[in-house]
């Protein structure tokens, strides 16, 4: 049986408290008694950890579902992980990823990090054609947004007005699962931008990234040349007509 130590009473990240939170993350909502049995802890120690985790926002206490009438006494509460609690575990995984890529940079240099980044972003080219084939009605930018959303980036597309020789779309990613890592290793963002350019067959420009403090990752995708040419021709035709109208009046 494991007993708590003063160090165990710290925030999420202390060994025993993290074990309690991780057990709920992996096994689902649990009672204090179930956690005590699962982790070989005293029920009193588990309850103290649960109280701290609830107060810290990592867990929430829920009333149990109605029983079928069997048993006596008040049903025990169950404890579930919150979104804030999940985010803390994600941050820990990010820290591990940063350490791993630092080691890669130290042992293999920038070329190794760049190769890793390109491999990491290969899902873009692997999934793009399949998404377009499944839904031919999507524009290439919309297909890209779907590819990124499937990977947790929460992406969408904004259409830009065609003005003169300019126009196109913006790919906007509201979330970036690797932003913490990309802050130190911009090769991830660079590889992503290059992959977007390859699948679209035209140059794109990264305007903003979450990794560098912006609220949204934004990539400018210019309109295809034929669209720009058509728009320019229309503008020219309109200008010619206006000139003719002025002459006739």
C-alpha atoms as a PDB file:
ATOM      1  CA  UNK A   1       0.000   0.000   0.000  1.00  0.00           C
ATOM      2  CA  UNK A   2       1.393   3.413  -1.011  1.00  0.00           C
ATOM      3  CA  UNK A   3       1.128   6.361   1.341  1.00  0.00           C
ATOM      4  CA  UNK A   4       1.395   9.989   0.312  1.00  0.00           C
ATOM      5  CA  UNK A   5       4.405  12.164   1.017  1.00  0.00           C
ATOM      6  CA  UNK A   6       4.489  15.961   1.340  1.00  0.00           C
ATOM      7  CA  UNK A   7       5.753  16.240  -2.253  1.00  0.00           C
ATOM      8  CA  UNK A   8       2.704  14.337  -3.460  1.00  0.00           C
ATOM      9  CA  UNK A   9       0.479  17.209  -2.336  1.00  0.00           C
ATOM     10  CA  UNK A  10       1.716  19.573  -5.071  1.00  0.00           C
ATOM     11  CA  UNK A  11      -0.073  20.450  -8.286  1.00  0.00           C
ATOM     12  CA  UNK A  12      -0.720  18.101 -11.193  1.00  0.00           C
ATOM     13  CA  UNK A  13       2.729  16.917 -12.194  1.00  0.00           C
ATOM     14  CA  UNK A  14       3.637  15.503  -8.754  1.00  0.00           C
ATOM     15  CA  UNK A  15       4.001  11.721  -9.095  1.00  0.00           C
ATOM     16  CA  UNK A  16       1.023  10.394  -7.145  1.00  0.00           C
ATOM     17  CA  UNK A  17      -1.377  13.151  -8.117  1.00  0.00           C
ATOM     18  CA  UNK A  18      -0.472  12.692 -11.757  1.00  0.00           C
ATOM     19  CA  UNK A  19      -1.099   8.941 -11.436  1.00  0.00           C
ATOM     20  CA  UNK A  20      -4.588   9.664 -10.115  1.00  0.00           C
ATOM     21  CA  UNK A  21      -5.395  12.073 -12.943  1.00  0.00           C
ATOM     22  CA  UNK A  22      -3.861   9.829 -15.596  1.00  0.00           C
ATOM     23  CA  UNK A  23      -5.844   6.827 -14.357  1.00  0.00           C
ATOM     24  CA  UNK A  24      -9.073   8.781 -14.829  1.00  0.00           C
ATOM     25  CA  UNK A  25      -7.896  10.020 -18.234  1.00  0.00           C
ATOM     26  CA  UNK A  26      -7.187   6.473 -19.409  1.00  0.00           C
ATOM     27  CA  UNK A  27      -9.923   4.523 -17.603  1.00  0.00           C
ATOM     28  CA  UNK A  28     -12.732   7.065 -17.612  1.00  0.00           C
ATOM     29  CA  UNK A  29     -14.776   8.549 -14.745  1.00  0.00           C
ATOM     30  CA  UNK A  30     -13.992   6.741 -11.493  1.00  0.00           C
ATOM     31  CA  UNK A  31     -14.911   6.746  -7.824  1.00  0.00           C
ATOM     32  CA  UNK A  32     -12.362   7.305  -5.073  1.00  0.00           C
ATOM     33  CA  UNK A  33     -12.707   3.669  -4.019  1.00  0.00           C
ATOM     34  CA  UNK A  34     -12.070   2.399  -7.543  1.00  0.00           C
ATOM     35  CA  UNK A  35      -9.003   4.619  -7.854  1.00  0.00           C
ATOM     36  CA  UNK A  36      -7.649   3.469  -4.498  1.00  0.00           C
ATOM     37  CA  UNK A  37      -7.945  -0.171  -5.543  1.00  0.00           C
ATOM     38  CA  UNK A  38      -6.529   0.461  -9.011  1.00  0.00           C
ATOM     39  CA  UNK A  39      -3.517   2.454  -7.817  1.00  0.00           C
ATOM     40  CA  UNK A  40      -2.891   0.651  -4.511  1.00  0.00           C
ATOM     41  CA  UNK A  41      -3.418   3.827  -2.479  1.00  0.00           C
ATOM     42  CA  UNK A  42      -5.367   4.495   0.695  1.00  0.00           C
ATOM     43  CA  UNK A  43      -8.882   5.873   0.065  1.00  0.00           C
ATOM     44  CA  UNK A  44      -8.081   8.875   2.283  1.00  0.00           C
ATOM     45  CA  UNK A  45      -4.997   9.714   0.208  1.00  0.00           C
ATOM     46  CA  UNK A  46      -6.960   9.402  -3.041  1.00  0.00           C
ATOM     47  CA  UNK A  47      -9.704  11.696  -1.759  1.00  0.00           C
ATOM     48  CA  UNK A  48      -7.163  14.366  -0.816  1.00  0.00           C
ATOM     49  CA  UNK A  49      -5.626  14.197  -4.284  1.00  0.00           C
ATOM     50  CA  UNK A  50      -9.079  14.353  -5.860  1.00  0.00           C
ATOM     51  CA  UNK A  51      -9.980  17.429  -3.800  1.00  0.00           C
ATOM     52  CA  UNK A  52      -6.829  19.203  -4.978  1.00  0.00           C
ATOM     53  CA  UNK A  53      -7.403  18.217  -8.620  1.00  0.00           C
ATOM     54  CA  UNK A  54     -11.020  19.402  -8.529  1.00  0.00           C
ATOM     55  CA  UNK A  55     -10.005  22.699  -6.908  1.00  0.00           C
ATOM     56  CA  UNK A  56      -7.316  23.111  -9.562  1.00  0.00           C
ATOM     57  CA  UNK A  57      -9.799  22.546 -12.396  1.00  0.00           C
ATOM     58  CA  UNK A  58      -8.212  19.348 -13.708  1.00  0.00           C
ATOM     59  CA  UNK A  59     -11.129  17.144 -12.583  1.00  0.00           C
ATOM     60  CA  UNK A  60     -14.826  17.564 -11.954  1.00  0.00           C
ATOM     61  CA  UNK A  61     -17.017  15.670  -9.508  1.00  0.00           C
ATOM     62  CA  UNK A  62     -20.221  14.226 -10.901  1.00  0.00           C
ATOM     63  CA  UNK A  63     -23.238  12.708  -9.273  1.00  0.00           C
ATOM     64  CA  UNK A  64     -23.481   9.004 -10.132  1.00  0.00           C
ATOM     65  CA  UNK A  65     -26.168   7.709 -12.430  1.00  0.00           C
ATOM     66  CA  UNK A  66     -29.280   6.391 -10.678  1.00  0.00           C
ATOM     67  CA  UNK A  67     -28.848   2.837  -9.427  1.00  0.00           C
ATOM     68  CA  UNK A  68     -31.374   0.081  -9.731  1.00  0.00           C
ATOM     69  CA  UNK A  69     -32.175   0.282  -6.026  1.00  0.00           C
ATOM     70  CA  UNK A  70     -29.588  -2.162  -4.787  1.00  0.00           C
ATOM     71  CA  UNK A  71     -27.273  -1.139  -1.946  1.00  0.00           C
ATOM     72  CA  UNK A  72     -27.648   1.316   0.889  1.00  0.00           C
ATOM     73  CA  UNK A  73     -26.382   4.761   1.660  1.00  0.00           C
ATOM     74  CA  UNK A  74     -25.513   7.689  -0.541  1.00  0.00           C
ATOM     75  CA  UNK A  75     -23.914   6.676  -3.880  1.00  0.00           C
ATOM     76  CA  UNK A  76     -20.265   7.660  -4.247  1.00  0.00           C
ATOM     77  CA  UNK A  77     -19.392  10.517  -6.577  1.00  0.00           C
ATOM     78  CA  UNK A  78     -17.448   9.831  -9.742  1.00  0.00           C
ATOM     79  CA  UNK A  79     -14.582  12.023 -10.921  1.00  0.00           C
ATOM     80  CA  UNK A  80     -13.974  12.881 -14.570  1.00  0.00           C
ATOM     81  CA  UNK A  81     -11.182  14.681 -16.404  1.00  0.00           C
ATOM     82  CA  UNK A  82     -11.955  18.213 -17.632  1.00  0.00           C
ATOM     83  CA  UNK A  83     -10.803  19.889 -20.840  1.00  0.00           C
ATOM     84  CA  UNK A  84      -8.274  21.845 -18.781  1.00  0.00           C
ATOM     85  CA  UNK A  85      -6.985  18.561 -17.377  1.00  0.00           C
ATOM     86  CA  UNK A  86      -6.605  17.110 -20.865  1.00  0.00           C
ATOM     87  CA  UNK A  87      -4.743  20.214 -21.993  1.00  0.00           C
ATOM     88  CA  UNK A  88      -2.199  19.753 -19.205  1.00  0.00           C
ATOM     89  CA  UNK A  89      -1.413  16.253 -20.342  1.00  0.00           C
ATOM     90  CA  UNK A  90      -1.102  17.520 -23.921  1.00  0.00           C
ATOM     91  CA  UNK A  91       1.393  20.112 -22.666  1.00  0.00           C
ATOM     92  CA  UNK A  92       3.445  17.365 -21.029  1.00  0.00           C
ATOM     93  CA  UNK A  93       3.528  15.428 -24.312  1.00  0.00           C
ATOM     94  CA  UNK A  94       4.623  18.641 -26.061  1.00  0.00           C
ATOM     95  CA  UNK A  95       7.492  19.019 -23.608  1.00  0.00           C
ATOM     96  CA  UNK A  96       8.582  15.467 -24.342  1.00  0.00           C
ATOM     97  CA  UNK A  97       8.399  16.138 -28.091  1.00  0.00           C
ATOM     98  CA  UNK A  98      10.545  19.267 -27.722  1.00  0.00           C
ATOM     99  CA  UNK A  99      13.158  17.313 -25.791  1.00  0.00           C
ATOM    100  CA  UNK A 100      13.182  14.585 -28.438  1.00  0.00           C
ATOM    101  CA  UNK A 101      13.631  17.050 -31.315  1.00  0.00           C
ATOM    102  CA  UNK A 102      16.341  18.887 -29.393  1.00  0.00           C
ATOM    103  CA  UNK A 103      18.187  15.598 -29.139  1.00  0.00           C
ATOM    104  CA  UNK A 104      17.628  15.037 -32.865  1.00  0.00           C
ATOM    105  CA  UNK A 105      19.049  18.495 -33.624  1.00  0.00           C
ATOM    106  CA  UNK A 106      22.089  17.884 -31.422  1.00  0.00           C
ATOM    107  CA  UNK A 107      22.870  14.501 -32.934  1.00  0.00           C
ATOM    108  CA  UNK A 108      21.745  14.951 -36.546  1.00  0.00           C
ATOM    109  CA  UNK A 109      21.791  18.695 -37.112  1.00  0.00           C
ATOM    110  CA  UNK A 110      19.303  20.917 -38.936  1.00  0.00           C
ATOM    111  CA  UNK A 111      18.993  18.489 -41.842  1.00  0.00           C
ATOM    112  CA  UNK A 112      17.686  15.793 -39.507  1.00  0.00           C
ATOM    113  CA  UNK A 113      15.115  18.160 -37.996  1.00  0.00           C
ATOM    114  CA  UNK A 114      14.022  19.266 -41.471  1.00  0.00           C
ATOM    115  CA  UNK A 115      13.671  15.655 -42.611  1.00  0.00           C
ATOM    116  CA  UNK A 116      11.583  14.878 -39.527  1.00  0.00           C
ATOM    117  CA  UNK A 117       9.355  17.904 -40.174  1.00  0.00           C
ATOM    118  CA  UNK A 118       8.792  16.837 -43.776  1.00  0.00           C
ATOM    119  CA  UNK A 119       7.929  13.311 -42.658  1.00  0.00           C
ATOM    120  CA  UNK A 120       5.571  14.714 -40.014  1.00  0.00           C
ATOM    121  CA  UNK A 121       3.690  16.752 -42.629  1.00  0.00           C
ATOM    122  CA  UNK A 122       3.470  13.962 -45.195  1.00  0.00           C
ATOM    123  CA  UNK A 123      -0.159  13.383 -44.147  1.00  0.00           C
ATOM    124  CA  UNK A 124      -1.097  16.482 -46.173  1.00  0.00           C
ATOM    125  CA  UNK A 125      -0.086  14.969 -49.500  1.00  0.00           C
ATOM    126  CA  UNK A 126      -1.213  11.478 -48.498  1.00  0.00           C
ATOM    127  CA  UNK A 127      -4.769  12.546 -47.618  1.00  0.00           C
ATOM    128  CA  UNK A 128      -5.425  15.440 -50.032  1.00  0.00           C
ATOM    129  CA  UNK A 129      -6.296  13.392 -53.131  1.00  0.00           C
ATOM    130  CA  UNK A 130      -8.484  11.010 -51.128  1.00  0.00           C
ATOM    131  CA  UNK A 131     -10.523  13.855 -49.620  1.00  0.00           C
ATOM    132  CA  UNK A 132     -11.058  15.437 -53.045  1.00  0.00           C
ATOM    133  CA  UNK A 133     -12.059  12.084 -54.528  1.00  0.00           C
ATOM    134  CA  UNK A 134     -14.576  11.494 -51.729  1.00  0.00           C
ATOM    135  CA  UNK A 135     -16.162  14.931 -52.200  1.00  0.00           C
ATOM    136  CA  UNK A 136     -15.516  16.347 -55.707  1.00  0.00           C
ATOM    137  CA  UNK A 137     -17.559  19.429 -54.862  1.00  0.00           C
ATOM    138  CA  UNK A 138     -14.839  20.755 -52.572  1.00  0.00           C
ATOM    139  CA  UNK A 139     -12.403  23.352 -53.794  1.00  0.00           C
ATOM    140  CA  UNK A 140      -8.724  22.435 -53.328  1.00  0.00           C
ATOM    141  CA  UNK A 141      -8.506  24.823 -50.367  1.00  0.00           C
ATOM    142  CA  UNK A 142     -11.614  23.291 -48.781  1.00  0.00           C
ATOM    143  CA  UNK A 143     -10.139  19.822 -49.235  1.00  0.00           C
ATOM    144  CA  UNK A 144      -6.983  21.011 -47.484  1.00  0.00           C
ATOM    145  CA  UNK A 145      -9.061  22.394 -44.621  1.00  0.00           C
ATOM    146  CA  UNK A 146     -10.731  18.992 -44.248  1.00  0.00           C
ATOM    147  CA  UNK A 147      -7.347  17.246 -44.205  1.00  0.00           C
ATOM    148  CA  UNK A 148      -6.107  19.541 -41.444  1.00  0.00           C
ATOM    149  CA  UNK A 149      -9.338  19.331 -39.449  1.00  0.00           C
ATOM    150  CA  UNK A 150      -9.117  15.540 -39.482  1.00  0.00           C
ATOM    151  CA  UNK A 151      -5.705  15.943 -37.827  1.00  0.00           C
ATOM    152  CA  UNK A 152      -6.991  18.275 -35.109  1.00  0.00           C
ATOM    153  CA  UNK A 153      -6.188  21.674 -36.631  1.00  0.00           C
ATOM    154  CA  UNK A 154      -9.819  22.948 -36.816  1.00  0.00           C
ATOM    155  CA  UNK A 155      -9.331  24.550 -40.233  1.00  0.00           C
ATOM    156  CA  UNK A 156     -11.590  26.574 -42.498  1.00  0.00           C
ATOM    157  CA  UNK A 157     -11.409  28.677 -45.660  1.00  0.00           C
ATOM    158  CA  UNK A 158     -12.087  32.364 -46.245  1.00  0.00           C
ATOM    159  CA  UNK A 159     -12.636  33.540 -49.799  1.00  0.00           C
ATOM    160  CA  UNK A 160     -10.864  36.735 -50.740  1.00  0.00           C
ATOM    161  CA  UNK A 161     -12.456  39.151 -53.235  1.00  0.00           C
ATOM    162  CA  UNK A 162     -10.898  39.317 -56.682  1.00  0.00           C
ATOM    163  CA  UNK A 163      -9.473  42.815 -56.993  1.00  0.00           C
ATOM    164  CA  UNK A 164      -7.363  43.639 -60.000  1.00  0.00           C
ATOM    165  CA  UNK A 165      -4.822  40.854 -60.299  1.00  0.00           C
ATOM    166  CA  UNK A 166      -5.281  39.762 -56.678  1.00  0.00           C
ATOM    167  CA  UNK A 167      -7.680  37.296 -55.113  1.00  0.00           C
ATOM    168  CA  UNK A 168      -7.864  33.764 -53.835  1.00  0.00           C
ATOM    169  CA  UNK A 169      -8.497  32.208 -50.442  1.00  0.00           C
ATOM    170  CA  UNK A 170      -7.099  32.058 -46.937  1.00  0.00           C
ATOM    171  CA  UNK A 171      -6.614  28.766 -45.118  1.00  0.00           C
ATOM    172  CA  UNK A 172      -7.276  29.488 -41.427  1.00  0.00           C
ATOM    173  CA  UNK A 173      -6.319  26.992 -38.707  1.00  0.00           C
ATOM    174  CA  UNK A 174      -7.904  27.811 -35.350  1.00  0.00           C
ATOM    175  CA  UNK A 175      -5.837  25.243 -33.459  1.00  0.00           C
ATOM    176  CA  UNK A 176      -2.354  23.786 -33.900  1.00  0.00           C
ATOM    177  CA  UNK A 177      -1.523  20.511 -32.109  1.00  0.00           C
ATOM    178  CA  UNK A 178       2.209  21.150 -32.514  1.00  0.00           C
ATOM    179  CA  UNK A 179       2.360  24.897 -31.783  1.00  0.00           C
ATOM    180  CA  UNK A 180       4.396  24.436 -28.595  1.00  0.00           C
ATOM    181  CA  UNK A 181       6.991  22.438 -30.530  1.00  0.00           C
ATOM    182  CA  UNK A 182       6.892  24.648 -33.630  1.00  0.00           C
ATOM    183  CA  UNK A 183       7.646  27.702 -31.491  1.00  0.00           C
ATOM    184  CA  UNK A 184      11.165  26.348 -31.005  1.00  0.00           C
ATOM    185  CA  UNK A 185      11.409  24.447 -34.284  1.00  0.00           C
ATOM    186  CA  UNK A 186       9.909  26.548 -37.125  1.00  0.00           C
ATOM    187  CA  UNK A 187      10.921  23.797 -39.554  1.00  0.00           C
ATOM    188  CA  UNK A 188       7.506  22.258 -38.793  1.00  0.00           C
ATOM    189  CA  UNK A 189       5.707  25.354 -40.093  1.00  0.00           C
ATOM    190  CA  UNK A 190       8.047  25.594 -43.068  1.00  0.00           C
ATOM    191  CA  UNK A 191       7.443  21.953 -44.028  1.00  0.00           C
ATOM    192  CA  UNK A 192       3.682  22.458 -43.700  1.00  0.00           C
ATOM    193  CA  UNK A 193       3.721  25.508 -45.970  1.00  0.00           C
ATOM    194  CA  UNK A 194       5.852  23.687 -48.552  1.00  0.00           C
ATOM    195  CA  UNK A 195       3.476  20.701 -48.555  1.00  0.00           C
ATOM    196  CA  UNK A 196       0.467  22.993 -49.067  1.00  0.00           C
ATOM    197  CA  UNK A 197       2.229  24.614 -52.006  1.00  0.00           C
ATOM    198  CA  UNK A 198       3.027  21.237 -53.573  1.00  0.00           C
ATOM    199  CA  UNK A 199      -0.495  19.826 -53.403  1.00  0.00           C
ATOM    200  CA  UNK A 200      -1.989  23.027 -54.827  1.00  0.00           C
ATOM    201  CA  UNK A 201       0.664  23.423 -57.483  1.00  0.00           C
ATOM    202  CA  UNK A 202       1.223  27.110 -56.778  1.00  0.00           C
ATOM    203  CA  UNK A 203       3.088  29.371 -54.387  1.00  0.00           C
ATOM    204  CA  UNK A 204       1.361  30.115 -51.081  1.00  0.00           C
ATOM    205  CA  UNK A 205       2.318  32.559 -48.351  1.00  0.00           C
ATOM    206  CA  UNK A 206       2.159  32.011 -44.604  1.00  0.00           C
ATOM    207  CA  UNK A 207       0.806  35.189 -43.002  1.00  0.00           C
ATOM    208  CA  UNK A 208       0.509  34.192 -39.336  1.00  0.00           C
ATOM    209  CA  UNK A 209       1.166  31.249 -37.015  1.00  0.00           C
ATOM    210  CA  UNK A 210      -0.106  30.290 -33.577  1.00  0.00           C
ATOM    211  CA  UNK A 211       3.423  29.100 -32.782  1.00  0.00           C
ATOM    212  CA  UNK A 212       4.639  32.698 -32.933  1.00  0.00           C
ATOM    213  CA  UNK A 213       1.832  34.250 -30.931  1.00  0.00           C
ATOM    214  CA  UNK A 214      -0.881  34.857 -33.517  1.00  0.00           C
ATOM    215  CA  UNK A 215      -4.433  33.793 -32.774  1.00  0.00           C
ATOM    216  CA  UNK A 216      -4.830  31.775 -35.974  1.00  0.00           C
ATOM    217  CA  UNK A 217      -2.470  30.110 -38.449  1.00  0.00           C
ATOM    218  CA  UNK A 218      -3.239  31.849 -41.742  1.00  0.00           C
ATOM    219  CA  UNK A 219      -1.998  30.903 -45.203  1.00  0.00           C
ATOM    220  CA  UNK A 220      -2.755  33.000 -48.274  1.00  0.00           C
ATOM    221  CA  UNK A 221      -3.641  30.904 -51.332  1.00  0.00           C
ATOM    222  CA  UNK A 222      -3.684  32.933 -54.566  1.00  0.00           C
ATOM    223  CA  UNK A 223      -6.353  32.236 -57.153  1.00  0.00           C
ATOM    224  CA  UNK A 224      -5.276  29.983 -60.047  1.00  0.00           C
ATOM    225  CA  UNK A 225      -3.902  31.875 -63.019  1.00  0.00           C
ATOM    226  CA  UNK A 226      -6.909  31.091 -65.201  1.00  0.00           C
ATOM    227  CA  UNK A 227      -9.245  32.592 -62.588  1.00  0.00           C
ATOM    228  CA  UNK A 228      -7.094  35.692 -62.285  1.00  0.00           C
ATOM    229  CA  UNK A 229      -6.913  35.971 -66.081  1.00  0.00           C
ATOM    230  CA  UNK A 230     -10.684  35.624 -66.380  1.00  0.00           C
ATOM    231  CA  UNK A 231     -11.213  38.221 -63.692  1.00  0.00           C
ATOM    232  CA  UNK A 232      -8.773  40.603 -65.348  1.00  0.00           C
ATOM    233  CA  UNK A 233     -10.453  40.104 -68.706  1.00  0.00           C
ATOM    234  CA  UNK A 234     -13.819  40.849 -67.137  1.00  0.00           C
ATOM    235  CA  UNK A 235     -12.438  43.970 -65.483  1.00  0.00           C
ATOM    236  CA  UNK A 236     -10.916  45.107 -68.764  1.00  0.00           C
ATOM    237  CA  UNK A 237     -14.164  44.466 -70.602  1.00  0.00           C
ATOM    238  CA  UNK A 238     -16.038  46.445 -67.997  1.00  0.00           C
ATOM    239  CA  UNK A 239     -13.595  49.331 -68.298  1.00  0.00           C
ATOM    240  CA  UNK A 240     -13.921  49.279 -72.104  1.00  0.00           C
ATOM    241  CA  UNK A 241     -17.718  49.342 -71.879  1.00  0.00           C
ATOM    242  CA  UNK A 242     -17.554  52.239 -69.446  1.00  0.00           C
ATOM    243  CA  UNK A 243     -15.313  54.130 -71.856  1.00  0.00           C
ATOM    244  CA  UNK A 244     -17.735  53.424 -74.705  1.00  0.00           C
ATOM    245  CA  UNK A 245     -20.649  54.623 -72.596  1.00  0.00           C
ATOM    246  CA  UNK A 246     -18.797  57.813 -71.823  1.00  0.00           C
ATOM    247  CA  UNK A 247     -18.103  58.347 -75.524  1.00  0.00           C
ATOM    248  CA  UNK A 248     -21.701  57.721 -76.554  1.00  0.00           C
ATOM    249  CA  UNK A 249     -23.048  60.039 -73.914  1.00  0.00           C
END
